[in-house]
Amino acid sequence: MIVTGASGFIGSGLVSKLGPSRTAILSVRGADWAARAGGLRFEAATLVHLGGRAHQAGVDAAAVHQDNCVKALALAEFAQSRGLKRFVFVSSVKVHGETSRARPLVESDVPAPADAYGRAKRDAEAGLARIAGATGLELVVLRPPLVYGPGVRGNFLSLLQLASRRWPLPFASLGNRRSLVNRDNLVSAIEACITHPQAAGRTFLVADGPPVSTAQLVTAIRAAMERPAGLFAFPATGLRALSWLAGRAGEARRLTDSLEIDDSLLRSTLDWQPAQGFEDAIGETVRWFLSARAARA
């Protein structure tokens, strides 16, 4: 097994689960990645590609495309030419955009990315499909939504920090529906994509289970902190307007809009079920957060 992005949030969890005896780590940082890859054995192996540039505000779109698309295609061509059997590409729900409408998103929906990161992942998926079609490489694409768990950063860490304060929060009336996936559950799904013969040539969405609203999520986080929910009602339109005035419209959209997926294809095709339930996963994440905060105090 060859893993890129092994030092990242998801990659470190995957390598820990697989164990050092089953994994070879390849860093794709820098222009000399192919030279570093020369010492690896690709024949009949599986490569899980997690390396890339995380989506961040203000990052140059060309750099995002280079690291998340161009490099992925070059890696696939290089590895396939040396006998690679299967390429597992961890993409993103952002290929579908930032919101779901009247129904949950499914794999066959027409891609509609809304930012440079989503467009790069979409283009990488299309390019990898062309390589697979021309060479016989077994391509598996996995599109996770927001990933959380111990060690999480980014938007979920910001929400943990917000929920940890004793302020009442204006989320009680938010009935949006957002799919999430715990890191351990995502790692379990990646394992299924590595080993299952029916995974080859397929694209899958993945989630913990039923979606949750922002109100439900914050309530669960605060319950794990042994605190009351402390929510009050405020219109979603008002939250979006205030956030727009503050220059934080994107954050408000993630709090108020729905982004719901249907991962039944993954479950039925690969006979996959999440390893950890939502409440247990939130509890584990909160315990890590509180412990890390106490260690910094």
C-alpha atoms as a PDB file:
ATOM      1  CA  MET A   1       0.000   0.000   0.000  1.00  0.00           C
ATOM      2  CA  ILE A   2       1.322   3.441  -0.946  1.00  0.00           C
ATOM      3  CA  VAL A   3      -0.122   6.545   0.731  1.00  0.00           C
ATOM      4  CA  THR A   4       0.367  10.198  -0.126  1.00  0.00           C
ATOM      5  CA  GLY A   5      -0.588  12.932   2.319  1.00  0.00           C
ATOM      6  CA  ALA A   6       0.296  10.650   5.233  1.00  0.00           C
ATOM      7  CA  SER A   7       1.131  13.563   7.529  1.00  0.00           C
ATOM      8  CA  GLY A   8      -2.289  15.175   7.104  1.00  0.00           C
ATOM      9  CA  PHE A   9      -5.401  14.800   9.245  1.00  0.00           C
ATOM     10  CA  ILE A  10      -6.924  11.960   7.198  1.00  0.00           C
ATOM     11  CA  GLY A  11      -3.663  10.405   6.040  1.00  0.00           C
ATOM     12  CA  SER A  12      -2.240  10.070   9.533  1.00  0.00           C
ATOM     13  CA  GLY A  13      -5.397   8.260  10.610  1.00  0.00           C
ATOM     14  CA  LEU A  14      -5.198   5.894   7.648  1.00  0.00           C
ATOM     15  CA  VAL A  15      -1.525   5.051   8.206  1.00  0.00           C
ATOM     16  CA  SER A  16      -2.166   4.494  11.907  1.00  0.00           C
ATOM     17  CA  LYS A  17      -5.005   2.087  11.096  1.00  0.00           C
ATOM     18  CA  LEU A  18      -3.157   0.162   8.378  1.00  0.00           C
ATOM     19  CA  GLY A  19       0.084  -0.008  10.324  1.00  0.00           C
ATOM     20  CA  PRO A  20       3.659   0.709   9.183  1.00  0.00           C
ATOM     21  CA  SER A  21       4.200  -2.821   7.862  1.00  0.00           C
ATOM     22  CA  ARG A  22       1.402  -2.354   5.310  1.00  0.00           C
ATOM     23  CA  THR A  23       2.194   1.161   4.105  1.00  0.00           C
ATOM     24  CA  ALA A  24       4.840   2.969   2.123  1.00  0.00           C
ATOM     25  CA  ILE A  25       4.652   6.743   2.419  1.00  0.00           C
ATOM     26  CA  LEU A  26       5.223   9.029  -0.552  1.00  0.00           C
ATOM     27  CA  SER A  27       5.409  12.793  -0.169  1.00  0.00           C
ATOM     28  CA  VAL A  28       4.323  14.684  -3.275  1.00  0.00           C
ATOM     29  CA  ARG A  29       5.477  18.048  -1.989  1.00  0.00           C
ATOM     30  CA  GLY A  30       7.918  19.828  -4.257  1.00  0.00           C
ATOM     31  CA  ALA A  31       8.949  19.179  -7.839  1.00  0.00           C
ATOM     32  CA  ASP A  32      11.201  16.198  -7.036  1.00  0.00           C
ATOM     33  CA  TRP A  33       8.418  13.815  -5.921  1.00  0.00           C
ATOM     34  CA  ALA A  34       9.003  11.489  -8.910  1.00  0.00           C
ATOM     35  CA  ALA A  35      12.630  10.996  -7.880  1.00  0.00           C
ATOM     36  CA  ARG A  36      11.503  10.059  -4.376  1.00  0.00           C
ATOM     37  CA  ALA A  37       8.926   7.676  -5.837  1.00  0.00           C
ATOM     38  CA  GLY A  38      11.594   5.855  -7.813  1.00  0.00           C
ATOM     39  CA  GLY A  39      12.473   3.649  -4.876  1.00  0.00           C
ATOM     40  CA  LEU A  40       8.915   2.427  -4.303  1.00  0.00           C
ATOM     41  CA  ARG A  41       7.455  -0.764  -5.715  1.00  0.00           C
ATOM     42  CA  PHE A  42       4.259  -0.058  -7.643  1.00  0.00           C
ATOM     43  CA  GLU A  43       3.712  -3.453  -9.278  1.00  0.00           C
ATOM     44  CA  ALA A  44       0.195  -4.718  -8.436  1.00  0.00           C
ATOM     45  CA  ALA A  45       0.003  -2.206  -5.574  1.00  0.00           C
ATOM     46  CA  THR A  46      -2.754   0.182  -4.507  1.00  0.00           C
ATOM     47  CA  LEU A  47      -2.049   3.891  -4.056  1.00  0.00           C
ATOM     48  CA  VAL A  48      -4.254   6.081  -1.876  1.00  0.00           C
ATOM     49  CA  HIS A  49      -3.834   9.692  -2.931  1.00  0.00           C
ATOM     50  CA  LEU A  50      -4.551  12.126  -0.107  1.00  0.00           C
ATOM     51  CA  GLY A  51      -1.797  14.622  -0.850  1.00  0.00           C
ATOM     52  CA  GLY A  52      -2.749  18.077  -2.044  1.00  0.00           C
ATOM     53  CA  ARG A  53      -3.427  21.635  -1.000  1.00  0.00           C
ATOM     54  CA  ALA A  54      -6.273  22.162   1.451  1.00  0.00           C
ATOM     55  CA  HIS A  55      -8.945  24.658   0.483  1.00  0.00           C
ATOM     56  CA  GLN A  56      -8.036  27.991   2.065  1.00  0.00           C
ATOM     57  CA  ALA A  57      -9.309  31.496   1.497  1.00  0.00           C
ATOM     58  CA  GLY A  58      -6.966  33.688  -0.495  1.00  0.00           C
ATOM     59  CA  VAL A  59      -4.832  30.877  -1.951  1.00  0.00           C
ATOM     60  CA  ASP A  60      -3.957  31.372  -5.616  1.00  0.00           C
ATOM     61  CA  ALA A  61      -6.340  29.346  -7.816  1.00  0.00           C
ATOM     62  CA  ALA A  62      -3.493  28.254 -10.110  1.00  0.00           C
ATOM     63  CA  ALA A  63      -1.588  26.786  -7.158  1.00  0.00           C
ATOM     64  CA  VAL A  64      -4.725  24.971  -5.976  1.00  0.00           C
ATOM     65  CA  HIS A  65      -5.199  23.472  -9.457  1.00  0.00           C
ATOM     66  CA  GLN A  66      -1.536  22.499  -9.729  1.00  0.00           C
ATOM     67  CA  ASP A  67      -1.433  20.691  -6.395  1.00  0.00           C
ATOM     68  CA  ASN A  68      -4.876  19.083  -6.495  1.00  0.00           C
ATOM     69  CA  CYS A  69      -5.275  18.258 -10.182  1.00  0.00           C
ATOM     70  CA  VAL A  70      -2.093  18.445 -12.258  1.00  0.00           C
ATOM     71  CA  LYS A  71       0.003  16.632  -9.679  1.00  0.00           C
ATOM     72  CA  ALA A  72      -2.652  13.927  -9.168  1.00  0.00           C
ATOM     73  CA  LEU A  73      -2.717  13.175 -12.899  1.00  0.00           C
ATOM     74  CA  ALA A  74       1.065  13.102 -13.157  1.00  0.00           C
ATOM     75  CA  LEU A  75       1.242  10.752 -10.180  1.00  0.00           C
ATOM     76  CA  ALA A  76      -1.342   8.399 -11.679  1.00  0.00           C
ATOM     77  CA  GLU A  77       0.476   8.257 -15.013  1.00  0.00           C
ATOM     78  CA  PHE A  78       3.832   7.707 -13.331  1.00  0.00           C
ATOM     79  CA  ALA A  79       2.541   4.966 -11.016  1.00  0.00           C
ATOM     80  CA  GLN A  80       0.512   3.209 -13.721  1.00  0.00           C
ATOM     81  CA  SER A  81       3.530   3.061 -16.001  1.00  0.00           C
ATOM     82  CA  ARG A  82       5.302   1.143 -13.235  1.00  0.00           C
ATOM     83  CA  GLY A  83       2.564  -1.429 -12.733  1.00  0.00           C
ATOM     84  CA  LEU A  84       0.180   0.180 -10.239  1.00  0.00           C
ATOM     85  CA  LYS A  85      -3.081  -1.785 -10.006  1.00  0.00           C
ATOM     86  CA  ARG A  86      -5.502   0.534  -8.161  1.00  0.00           C
ATOM     87  CA  PHE A  87      -5.594   4.293  -7.546  1.00  0.00           C
ATOM     88  CA  VAL A  88      -7.883   5.449  -4.721  1.00  0.00           C
ATOM     89  CA  PHE A  89      -8.477   9.186  -5.076  1.00  0.00           C
ATOM     90  CA  VAL A  90      -9.929  10.976  -2.064  1.00  0.00           C
ATOM     91  CA  SER A  91     -11.792  13.849  -3.670  1.00  0.00           C
ATOM     92  CA  SER A  92     -14.422  16.037  -1.990  1.00  0.00           C
ATOM     93  CA  VAL A  93     -18.148  16.699  -1.850  1.00  0.00           C
ATOM     94  CA  LYS A  94     -17.154  20.183  -3.024  1.00  0.00           C
ATOM     95  CA  VAL A  95     -17.200  18.699  -6.538  1.00  0.00           C
ATOM     96  CA  HIS A  96     -20.986  19.039  -6.152  1.00  0.00           C
ATOM     97  CA  GLY A  97     -20.833  22.614  -4.837  1.00  0.00           C
ATOM     98  CA  GLU A  98     -21.672  24.114  -1.467  1.00  0.00           C
ATOM     99  CA  THR A  99     -25.361  23.270  -1.066  1.00  0.00           C
ATOM    100  CA  SER A 100     -27.964  20.600  -1.678  1.00  0.00           C
ATOM    101  CA  ARG A 101     -31.489  21.571  -2.662  1.00  0.00           C
ATOM    102  CA  ALA A 102     -34.696  19.542  -2.592  1.00  0.00           C
ATOM    103  CA  ARG A 103     -32.989  16.166  -2.139  1.00  0.00           C
ATOM    104  CA  PRO A 104     -29.651  14.721  -1.039  1.00  0.00           C
ATOM    105  CA  LEU A 105     -26.788  14.753  -3.509  1.00  0.00           C
ATOM    106  CA  VAL A 106     -25.890  11.505  -5.286  1.00  0.00           C
ATOM    107  CA  GLU A 107     -22.807  10.496  -7.228  1.00  0.00           C
ATOM    108  CA  SER A 108     -24.466  10.909 -10.633  1.00  0.00           C
ATOM    109  CA  ASP A 109     -25.414  14.555 -10.102  1.00  0.00           C
ATOM    110  CA  VAL A 110     -23.732  16.917 -12.548  1.00  0.00           C
ATOM    111  CA  PRO A 111     -20.686  18.492 -10.858  1.00  0.00           C
ATOM    112  CA  ALA A 112     -21.182  22.126  -9.889  1.00  0.00           C
ATOM    113  CA  PRO A 113     -18.109  23.231  -7.903  1.00  0.00           C
ATOM    114  CA  ALA A 114     -18.265  26.725  -6.479  1.00  0.00           C
ATOM    115  CA  ASP A 115     -14.600  27.401  -5.705  1.00  0.00           C
ATOM    116  CA  ALA A 116     -11.087  26.699  -6.988  1.00  0.00           C
ATOM    117  CA  TYR A 117     -10.657  23.671  -4.726  1.00  0.00           C
ATOM    118  CA  GLY A 118     -13.868  22.031  -5.923  1.00  0.00           C
ATOM    119  CA  ARG A 119     -13.011  22.764  -9.564  1.00  0.00           C
ATOM    120  CA  ALA A 120      -9.539  21.257  -9.133  1.00  0.00           C
ATOM    121  CA  LYS A 121     -10.997  18.089  -7.612  1.00  0.00           C
ATOM    122  CA  ARG A 122     -13.577  17.855 -10.418  1.00  0.00           C
ATOM    123  CA  ASP A 123     -10.895  18.240 -13.077  1.00  0.00           C
ATOM    124  CA  ALA A 124      -8.690  15.683 -11.336  1.00  0.00           C
ATOM    125  CA  GLU A 125     -11.538  13.159 -11.277  1.00  0.00           C
ATOM    126  CA  ALA A 126     -12.157  13.668 -15.011  1.00  0.00           C
ATOM    127  CA  GLY A 127      -8.473  13.389 -15.884  1.00  0.00           C
ATOM    128  CA  LEU A 128      -8.001  10.279 -13.764  1.00  0.00           C
ATOM    129  CA  ALA A 129     -11.010   8.667 -15.450  1.00  0.00           C
ATOM    130  CA  ARG A 130      -9.381   9.266 -18.843  1.00  0.00           C
ATOM    131  CA  ILE A 131      -6.127   7.687 -17.665  1.00  0.00           C
ATOM    132  CA  ALA A 132      -7.972   4.706 -16.220  1.00  0.00           C
ATOM    133  CA  GLY A 133      -9.979   4.244 -19.410  1.00  0.00           C
ATOM    134  CA  ALA A 134      -6.860   4.274 -21.543  1.00  0.00           C
ATOM    135  CA  THR A 135      -4.693   2.042 -19.363  1.00  0.00           C
ATOM    136  CA  GLY A 136      -6.924  -0.290 -17.341  1.00  0.00           C
ATOM    137  CA  LEU A 137      -5.895   1.284 -14.036  1.00  0.00           C
ATOM    138  CA  GLU A 138      -8.523   0.560 -11.371  1.00  0.00           C
ATOM    139  CA  LEU A 139      -9.723   4.003 -10.276  1.00  0.00           C
ATOM    140  CA  VAL A 140     -11.834   4.505  -7.147  1.00  0.00           C
ATOM    141  CA  VAL A 141     -13.054   7.999  -6.219  1.00  0.00           C
ATOM    142  CA  LEU A 142     -14.328   8.859  -2.740  1.00  0.00           C
ATOM    143  CA  ARG A 143     -16.074  12.187  -2.046  1.00  0.00           C
ATOM    144  CA  PRO A 144     -16.290  12.967   1.690  1.00  0.00           C
ATOM    145  CA  PRO A 145     -18.083  15.961   3.208  1.00  0.00           C
ATOM    146  CA  LEU A 146     -16.668  17.826   6.231  1.00  0.00           C
ATOM    147  CA  VAL A 147     -14.365  15.469   8.148  1.00  0.00           C
ATOM    148  CA  TYR A 148     -14.048  15.740  11.932  1.00  0.00           C
ATOM    149  CA  GLY A 149     -12.425  13.868  14.793  1.00  0.00           C
ATOM    150  CA  PRO A 150      -9.545  14.267  17.258  1.00  0.00           C
ATOM    151  CA  GLY A 151      -6.922  16.562  15.750  1.00  0.00           C
ATOM    152  CA  VAL A 152      -9.388  18.350  13.468  1.00  0.00           C
ATOM    153  CA  ARG A 153      -8.566  21.838  12.224  1.00  0.00           C
ATOM    154  CA  GLY A 154     -10.338  24.440  10.095  1.00  0.00           C
ATOM    155  CA  ASN A 155     -14.061  25.101  10.284  1.00  0.00           C
ATOM    156  CA  PHE A 156     -14.900  22.297  12.695  1.00  0.00           C
ATOM    157  CA  LEU A 157     -12.254  23.431  15.164  1.00  0.00           C
ATOM    158  CA  SER A 158     -13.676  26.959  14.937  1.00  0.00           C
ATOM    159  CA  LEU A 159     -17.123  25.561  15.771  1.00  0.00           C
ATOM    160  CA  LEU A 160     -15.708  23.688  18.773  1.00  0.00           C
ATOM    161  CA  GLN A 161     -14.105  26.900  19.985  1.00  0.00           C
ATOM    162  CA  LEU A 162     -17.361  28.808  19.523  1.00  0.00           C
ATOM    163  CA  ALA A 163     -19.420  26.156  21.310  1.00  0.00           C
ATOM    164  CA  SER A 164     -16.962  26.069  24.215  1.00  0.00           C
ATOM    165  CA  ARG A 165     -17.725  29.675  25.109  1.00  0.00           C
ATOM    166  CA  ARG A 166     -20.597  30.380  27.458  1.00  0.00           C
ATOM    167  CA  TRP A 167     -22.426  32.707  25.085  1.00  0.00           C
ATOM    168  CA  PRO A 168     -25.923  31.794  23.937  1.00  0.00           C
ATOM    169  CA  LEU A 169     -25.872  31.126  20.204  1.00  0.00           C
ATOM    170  CA  PRO A 170     -28.522  32.110  17.602  1.00  0.00           C
ATOM    171  CA  PHE A 171     -28.936  28.677  15.997  1.00  0.00           C
ATOM    172  CA  ALA A 172     -32.135  27.278  17.535  1.00  0.00           C
ATOM    173  CA  SER A 173     -34.258  27.840  14.426  1.00  0.00           C
ATOM    174  CA  LEU A 174     -31.746  26.437  11.934  1.00  0.00           C
ATOM    175  CA  GLY A 175     -33.228  23.296  10.414  1.00  0.00           C
ATOM    176  CA  ASN A 176     -30.603  22.790   7.727  1.00  0.00           C
ATOM    177  CA  ARG A 177     -29.322  19.313   6.860  1.00  0.00           C
ATOM    178  CA  ARG A 178     -25.571  18.753   6.654  1.00  0.00           C
ATOM    179  CA  SER A 179     -23.776  15.453   6.205  1.00  0.00           C
ATOM    180  CA  LEU A 180     -20.548  14.877   8.125  1.00  0.00           C
ATOM    181  CA  VAL A 181     -18.040  12.058   8.345  1.00  0.00           C
ATOM    182  CA  ASN A 182     -15.856  11.151  11.293  1.00  0.00           C
ATOM    183  CA  ARG A 183     -12.223  10.455  10.406  1.00  0.00           C
ATOM    184  CA  ASP A 184     -12.359   6.852  11.652  1.00  0.00           C
ATOM    185  CA  ASN A 185     -15.432   6.217   9.514  1.00  0.00           C
ATOM    186  CA  LEU A 186     -13.733   7.754   6.482  1.00  0.00           C
ATOM    187  CA  VAL A 187     -10.644   5.613   7.072  1.00  0.00           C
ATOM    188  CA  SER A 188     -12.905   2.553   7.207  1.00  0.00           C
ATOM    189  CA  ALA A 189     -14.470   3.569   3.870  1.00  0.00           C
ATOM    190  CA  ILE A 190     -11.022   4.073   2.326  1.00  0.00           C
ATOM    191  CA  GLU A 191     -10.066   0.566   3.466  1.00  0.00           C
ATOM    192  CA  ALA A 192     -13.149  -0.808   1.699  1.00  0.00           C
ATOM    193  CA  CYS A 193     -12.161   1.072  -1.470  1.00  0.00           C
ATOM    194  CA  ILE A 194      -8.679  -0.434  -1.255  1.00  0.00           C
ATOM    195  CA  THR A 195      -9.746  -4.044  -0.914  1.00  0.00           C
ATOM    196  CA  HIS A 196     -13.219  -4.572  -2.351  1.00  0.00           C
ATOM    197  CA  PRO A 197     -13.240  -5.908  -5.926  1.00  0.00           C
ATOM    198  CA  GLN A 198     -16.514  -4.091  -6.704  1.00  0.00           C
ATOM    199  CA  ALA A 199     -14.961  -0.704  -5.913  1.00  0.00           C
ATOM    200  CA  ALA A 200     -12.953  -0.551  -9.145  1.00  0.00           C
ATOM    201  CA  GLY A 201     -14.232   2.066 -11.563  1.00  0.00           C
ATOM    202  CA  ARG A 202     -16.713   3.543  -9.085  1.00  0.00           C
ATOM    203  CA  THR A 203     -17.277   6.913  -7.431  1.00  0.00           C
ATOM    204  CA  PHE A 204     -18.739   7.035  -3.935  1.00  0.00           C
ATOM    205  CA  LEU A 205     -20.050   9.590  -1.478  1.00  0.00           C
ATOM    206  CA  VAL A 206     -19.556   8.786   2.215  1.00  0.00           C
ATOM    207  CA  ALA A 207     -21.080  10.040   5.491  1.00  0.00           C
ATOM    208  CA  ASP A 208     -21.612   9.034   9.101  1.00  0.00           C
ATOM    209  CA  GLY A 209     -25.322   8.550   8.574  1.00  0.00           C
ATOM    210  CA  PRO A 210     -28.333  10.884   8.720  1.00  0.00           C
ATOM    211  CA  PRO A 211     -27.555  14.593   8.320  1.00  0.00           C
ATOM    212  CA  VAL A 212     -27.644  16.981  11.263  1.00  0.00           C
ATOM    213  CA  SER A 213     -28.653  20.613  11.554  1.00  0.00           C
ATOM    214  CA  THR A 214     -26.334  23.242  12.970  1.00  0.00           C
ATOM    215  CA  ALA A 215     -28.612  23.361  16.019  1.00  0.00           C
ATOM    216  CA  GLN A 216     -28.300  19.588  16.510  1.00  0.00           C
ATOM    217  CA  LEU A 217     -24.548  19.677  16.022  1.00  0.00           C
ATOM    218  CA  VAL A 218     -23.928  22.459  18.529  1.00  0.00           C
ATOM    219  CA  THR A 219     -26.324  20.808  20.986  1.00  0.00           C
ATOM    220  CA  ALA A 220     -24.384  17.536  20.680  1.00  0.00           C
ATOM    221  CA  ILE A 221     -21.049  19.309  21.143  1.00  0.00           C
ATOM    222  CA  ARG A 222     -22.226  21.165  24.222  1.00  0.00           C
ATOM    223  CA  ALA A 223     -23.822  18.007  25.643  1.00  0.00           C
ATOM    224  CA  ALA A 224     -20.439  16.284  25.331  1.00  0.00           C
ATOM    225  CA  MET A 225     -19.008  19.268  27.222  1.00  0.00           C
ATOM    226  CA  GLU A 226     -21.705  18.624  29.892  1.00  0.00           C
ATOM    227  CA  ARG A 227     -23.325  21.962  29.205  1.00  0.00           C
ATOM    228  CA  PRO A 228     -26.826  23.012  28.146  1.00  0.00           C
ATOM    229  CA  ALA A 229     -27.398  23.799  24.480  1.00  0.00           C
ATOM    230  CA  GLY A 230     -27.855  27.526  25.137  1.00  0.00           C
ATOM    231  CA  LEU A 231     -29.459  28.264  21.771  1.00  0.00           C
ATOM    232  CA  PHE A 232     -31.966  30.943  20.848  1.00  0.00           C
ATOM    233  CA  ALA A 233     -33.904  31.535  17.650  1.00  0.00           C
ATOM    234  CA  PHE A 234     -32.748  34.021  15.045  1.00  0.00           C
ATOM    235  CA  PRO A 235     -33.707  33.990  11.344  1.00  0.00           C
ATOM    236  CA  ALA A 236     -31.215  32.395   8.968  1.00  0.00           C
ATOM    237  CA  THR A 237     -31.642  35.357   6.629  1.00  0.00           C
ATOM    238  CA  GLY A 238     -30.587  37.656   9.443  1.00  0.00           C
ATOM    239  CA  LEU A 239     -27.503  35.562  10.189  1.00  0.00           C
ATOM    240  CA  ARG A 240     -26.509  35.637   6.525  1.00  0.00           C
ATOM    241  CA  ALA A 241     -27.018  39.396   6.301  1.00  0.00           C
ATOM    242  CA  LEU A 242     -24.965  40.120   9.422  1.00  0.00           C
ATOM    243  CA  SER A 243     -22.195  37.792   8.281  1.00  0.00           C
ATOM    244  CA  TRP A 244     -22.134  39.422   4.846  1.00  0.00           C
ATOM    245  CA  LEU A 245     -21.697  42.839   6.479  1.00  0.00           C
ATOM    246  CA  ALA A 246     -18.855  41.412   8.560  1.00  0.00           C
ATOM    247  CA  GLY A 247     -17.172  39.934   5.487  1.00  0.00           C
ATOM    248  CA  ARG A 248     -17.843  36.349   6.606  1.00  0.00           C
ATOM    249  CA  ALA A 249     -20.618  35.296   4.248  1.00  0.00           C
ATOM    250  CA  GLY A 250     -19.008  31.925   3.531  1.00  0.00           C
ATOM    251  CA  GLU A 251     -19.044  30.950   7.190  1.00  0.00           C
ATOM    252  CA  ALA A 252     -22.715  31.878   7.502  1.00  0.00           C
ATOM    253  CA  ARG A 253     -23.582  29.778   4.465  1.00  0.00           C
ATOM    254  CA  ARG A 254     -21.976  26.725   6.026  1.00  0.00           C
ATOM    255  CA  LEU A 255     -23.944  27.304   9.229  1.00  0.00           C
ATOM    256  CA  THR A 256     -27.318  27.937   7.603  1.00  0.00           C
ATOM    257  CA  ASP A 257     -27.427  26.041   4.288  1.00  0.00           C
ATOM    258  CA  SER A 258     -27.891  22.332   3.680  1.00  0.00           C
ATOM    259  CA  LEU A 259     -25.270  20.045   2.184  1.00  0.00           C
ATOM    260  CA  GLU A 260     -26.789  16.576   2.422  1.00  0.00           C
ATOM    261  CA  ILE A 261     -25.542  13.479   0.634  1.00  0.00           C
ATOM    262  CA  ASP A 262     -26.887  10.000  -0.012  1.00  0.00           C
ATOM    263  CA  ASP A 263     -24.140   7.400   0.450  1.00  0.00           C
ATOM    264  CA  SER A 264     -26.327   4.341  -0.093  1.00  0.00           C
ATOM    265  CA  LEU A 265     -24.280   3.369  -3.171  1.00  0.00           C
ATOM    266  CA  LEU A 266     -21.153   2.918  -1.040  1.00  0.00           C
ATOM    267  CA  ARG A 267     -23.046   0.964   1.611  1.00  0.00           C
ATOM    268  CA  SER A 268     -24.748  -1.390  -0.814  1.00  0.00           C
ATOM    269  CA  THR A 269     -21.872  -1.911  -3.269  1.00  0.00           C
ATOM    270  CA  LEU A 270     -19.082  -2.414  -0.737  1.00  0.00           C
ATOM    271  CA  ASP A 271     -21.228  -3.714   2.145  1.00  0.00           C
ATOM    272  CA  TRP A 272     -19.885  -0.823   4.228  1.00  0.00           C
ATOM    273  CA  GLN A 273     -21.199   0.575   7.493  1.00  0.00           C
ATOM    274  CA  PRO A 274     -19.661   3.353   9.603  1.00  0.00           C
ATOM    275  CA  ALA A 275     -17.531   2.058  12.437  1.00  0.00           C
ATOM    276  CA  GLN A 276     -18.575   4.757  14.909  1.00  0.00           C
ATOM    277  CA  GLY A 277     -21.886   6.450  15.681  1.00  0.00           C
ATOM    278  CA  PHE A 278     -22.359  10.221  15.594  1.00  0.00           C
ATOM    279  CA  GLU A 279     -22.748  10.775  19.352  1.00  0.00           C
ATOM    280  CA  ASP A 280     -19.693   8.660  20.205  1.00  0.00           C
ATOM    281  CA  ALA A 281     -17.625  10.380  17.513  1.00  0.00           C
ATOM    282  CA  ILE A 282     -18.624  13.850  18.733  1.00  0.00           C
ATOM    283  CA  GLY A 283     -17.839  12.835  22.304  1.00  0.00           C
ATOM    284  CA  GLU A 284     -14.380  11.606  21.334  1.00  0.00           C
ATOM    285  CA  THR A 285     -13.695  14.805  19.387  1.00  0.00           C
ATOM    286  CA  VAL A 286     -14.827  17.012  22.271  1.00  0.00           C
ATOM    287  CA  ARG A 287     -12.654  15.103  24.760  1.00  0.00           C
ATOM    288  CA  TRP A 288      -9.638  15.647  22.520  1.00  0.00           C
ATOM    289  CA  PHE A 289     -10.474  19.347  22.178  1.00  0.00           C
ATOM    290  CA  LEU A 290     -10.843  19.886  25.932  1.00  0.00           C
ATOM    291  CA  SER A 291      -7.669  17.927  26.689  1.00  0.00           C
ATOM    292  CA  ALA A 292      -5.667  19.864  24.105  1.00  0.00           C
ATOM    293  CA  ARG A 293      -6.975  23.165  25.432  1.00  0.00           C
ATOM    294  CA  ALA A 294      -6.118  22.218  29.008  1.00  0.00           C
ATOM    295  CA  ALA A 295      -2.596  21.239  27.944  1.00  0.00           C
ATOM    296  CA  ARG A 296      -2.094  24.699  26.432  1.00  0.00           C
ATOM    297  CA  ALA A 297      -3.364  26.511  29.518  1.00  0.00           C
END
